[in-house]
Amino acid sequence: MTKQEFVEEIAKEAGLTKADAARAVDAYAKAVTKALKAGKKVSLVGFGTYATSKRAAREGRNPRTGETVKIAARTAVTFKAGSKLKDAVN
């Protein structure tokens, strides 16, 4: 599903215009991003939880050449699905 398709679905389900739904989707993404940058978790009961985790620096290997490369430390975003989402999908 593309962002445009997602916005159309939100507009239809919530009875909003596509422009209002697009602003809502953008505001949601911005709010989640802001919270994760601040090191907070975002929990949506029944849907899931967004969080961050630290990944340590490590050495990897280029599969084409076999050369060892350094992979820098980074912060990864994780999502754990909630029980209602899992049940709905299954």
C-alpha atoms as a PDB file:
ATOM      1  CA  MET A   1       0.000   0.000   0.000  1.00  0.00           C
ATOM      2  CA  THR A   2       1.396   3.365  -0.977  1.00  0.00           C
ATOM      3  CA  LYS A   3       1.040   6.526   1.090  1.00  0.00           C
ATOM      4  CA  GLN A   4      -1.607   7.829  -1.324  1.00  0.00           C
ATOM      5  CA  GLU A   5      -3.640   4.629  -1.012  1.00  0.00           C
ATOM      6  CA  PHE A   6      -3.265   4.815   2.768  1.00  0.00           C
ATOM      7  CA  VAL A   7      -4.493   8.435   2.817  1.00  0.00           C
ATOM      8  CA  GLU A   8      -7.489   7.479   0.657  1.00  0.00           C
ATOM      9  CA  GLU A   9      -8.368   4.640   3.038  1.00  0.00           C
ATOM     10  CA  ILE A  10      -8.080   6.918   6.092  1.00  0.00           C
ATOM     11  CA  ALA A  11     -10.265   9.521   4.379  1.00  0.00           C
ATOM     12  CA  LYS A  12     -12.913   6.923   3.584  1.00  0.00           C
ATOM     13  CA  GLU A  13     -12.890   5.286   7.051  1.00  0.00           C
ATOM     14  CA  ALA A  14     -12.887   8.566   9.016  1.00  0.00           C
ATOM     15  CA  GLY A  15     -15.182  10.533   6.733  1.00  0.00           C
ATOM     16  CA  LEU A  16     -12.500  13.138   6.015  1.00  0.00           C
ATOM     17  CA  THR A  17     -11.416  14.855   2.860  1.00  0.00           C
ATOM     18  CA  LYS A  18      -8.256  13.482   1.265  1.00  0.00           C
ATOM     19  CA  ALA A  19      -6.441  16.727   2.168  1.00  0.00           C
ATOM     20  CA  ASP A  20      -7.440  16.426   5.838  1.00  0.00           C
ATOM     21  CA  ALA A  21      -6.477  12.747   5.888  1.00  0.00           C
ATOM     22  CA  ALA A  22      -3.089  13.552   4.305  1.00  0.00           C
ATOM     23  CA  ARG A  23      -2.439  16.194   6.980  1.00  0.00           C
ATOM     24  CA  ALA A  24      -3.433  13.690   9.678  1.00  0.00           C
ATOM     25  CA  VAL A  25      -1.104  11.013   8.302  1.00  0.00           C
ATOM     26  CA  ASP A  26       1.763  13.518   8.046  1.00  0.00           C
ATOM     27  CA  ALA A  27       1.102  14.739  11.602  1.00  0.00           C
ATOM     28  CA  TYR A  28       1.098  11.136  12.877  1.00  0.00           C
ATOM     29  CA  ALA A  29       4.427  10.379  11.194  1.00  0.00           C
ATOM     30  CA  LYS A  30       5.922  13.629  12.481  1.00  0.00           C
ATOM     31  CA  ALA A  31       4.756  12.976  16.062  1.00  0.00           C
ATOM     32  CA  VAL A  32       6.135   9.413  16.072  1.00  0.00           C
ATOM     33  CA  THR A  33       9.448  10.595  14.601  1.00  0.00           C
ATOM     34  CA  LYS A  34       9.768  13.397  17.156  1.00  0.00           C
ATOM     35  CA  ALA A  35       9.099  11.028  20.065  1.00  0.00           C
ATOM     36  CA  LEU A  36      11.581   8.422  18.806  1.00  0.00           C
ATOM     37  CA  LYS A  37      14.267  11.082  18.291  1.00  0.00           C
ATOM     38  CA  ALA A  38      13.741  12.102  21.925  1.00  0.00           C
ATOM     39  CA  GLY A  39      14.313   8.486  22.996  1.00  0.00           C
ATOM     40  CA  LYS A  40      10.677   7.822  23.942  1.00  0.00           C
ATOM     41  CA  LYS A  41       8.483   4.842  23.094  1.00  0.00           C
ATOM     42  CA  VAL A  42       5.198   5.316  21.279  1.00  0.00           C
ATOM     43  CA  SER A  43       2.590   2.795  22.437  1.00  0.00           C
ATOM     44  CA  LEU A  44      -0.742   2.490  20.670  1.00  0.00           C
ATOM     45  CA  VAL A  45      -2.704  -0.010  22.755  1.00  0.00           C
ATOM     46  CA  GLY A  46      -3.849  -2.932  20.642  1.00  0.00           C
ATOM     47  CA  PHE A  47      -1.944  -1.745  17.572  1.00  0.00           C
ATOM     48  CA  GLY A  48       1.710  -1.809  18.596  1.00  0.00           C
ATOM     49  CA  THR A  49       4.743  -0.062  20.018  1.00  0.00           C
ATOM     50  CA  TYR A  50       7.433   1.919  18.236  1.00  0.00           C
ATOM     51  CA  ALA A  51      10.792   2.091  20.008  1.00  0.00           C
ATOM     52  CA  THR A  52      14.479   2.548  19.295  1.00  0.00           C
ATOM     53  CA  SER A  53      17.415   0.302  20.043  1.00  0.00           C
ATOM     54  CA  LYS A  54      21.148   0.937  19.897  1.00  0.00           C
ATOM     55  CA  ARG A  55      23.165  -1.144  17.451  1.00  0.00           C
ATOM     56  CA  ALA A  56      26.855  -1.413  18.249  1.00  0.00           C
ATOM     57  CA  ALA A  57      29.559  -0.907  15.643  1.00  0.00           C
ATOM     58  CA  ARG A  58      30.666  -4.143  14.048  1.00  0.00           C
ATOM     59  CA  GLU A  59      32.595  -5.629  11.201  1.00  0.00           C
ATOM     60  CA  GLY A  60      30.815  -7.027   8.184  1.00  0.00           C
ATOM     61  CA  ARG A  61      31.916  -8.648   4.988  1.00  0.00           C
ATOM     62  CA  ASN A  62      31.290  -7.549   1.411  1.00  0.00           C
ATOM     63  CA  PRO A  63      29.776 -10.672  -0.148  1.00  0.00           C
ATOM     64  CA  ARG A  64      31.062  -9.829  -3.611  1.00  0.00           C
ATOM     65  CA  THR A  65      34.733  -9.273  -2.729  1.00  0.00           C
ATOM     66  CA  GLY A  66      34.997 -10.915   0.687  1.00  0.00           C
ATOM     67  CA  GLU A  67      36.572  -7.696   1.986  1.00  0.00           C
ATOM     68  CA  THR A  68      35.971  -6.791   5.639  1.00  0.00           C
ATOM     69  CA  VAL A  69      34.094  -3.512   6.119  1.00  0.00           C
ATOM     70  CA  LYS A  70      33.315  -1.527   9.240  1.00  0.00           C
ATOM     71  CA  ILE A  71      29.644  -0.925   9.975  1.00  0.00           C
ATOM     72  CA  ALA A  72      29.091   2.148  12.149  1.00  0.00           C
ATOM     73  CA  ALA A  73      27.008   2.159  15.309  1.00  0.00           C
ATOM     74  CA  ARG A  74      23.463   3.362  14.805  1.00  0.00           C
ATOM     75  CA  THR A  75      20.059   3.706  16.362  1.00  0.00           C
ATOM     76  CA  ALA A  76      17.451   1.414  14.823  1.00  0.00           C
ATOM     77  CA  VAL A  77      13.687   1.842  14.920  1.00  0.00           C
ATOM     78  CA  THR A  78      11.697  -1.205  16.022  1.00  0.00           C
ATOM     79  CA  PHE A  79       7.982  -1.973  15.924  1.00  0.00           C
ATOM     80  CA  LYS A  80       6.289  -4.654  17.982  1.00  0.00           C
ATOM     81  CA  ALA A  81       2.753  -5.488  16.894  1.00  0.00           C
ATOM     82  CA  GLY A  82       0.029  -5.420  19.539  1.00  0.00           C
ATOM     83  CA  SER A  83      -2.313  -8.295  20.293  1.00  0.00           C
ATOM     84  CA  LYS A  84      -5.339  -6.850  18.471  1.00  0.00           C
ATOM     85  CA  LEU A  85      -3.271  -6.277  15.310  1.00  0.00           C
ATOM     86  CA  LYS A  86      -1.855  -9.810  15.478  1.00  0.00           C
ATOM     87  CA  ASP A  87      -5.321 -11.284  15.961  1.00  0.00           C
ATOM     88  CA  ALA A  88      -6.771  -9.252  13.086  1.00  0.00           C
ATOM     89  CA  VAL A  89      -4.031 -10.376  10.697  1.00  0.00           C
ATOM     90  CA  ASN A  90      -4.270 -14.008  11.729  1.00  0.00           C
END
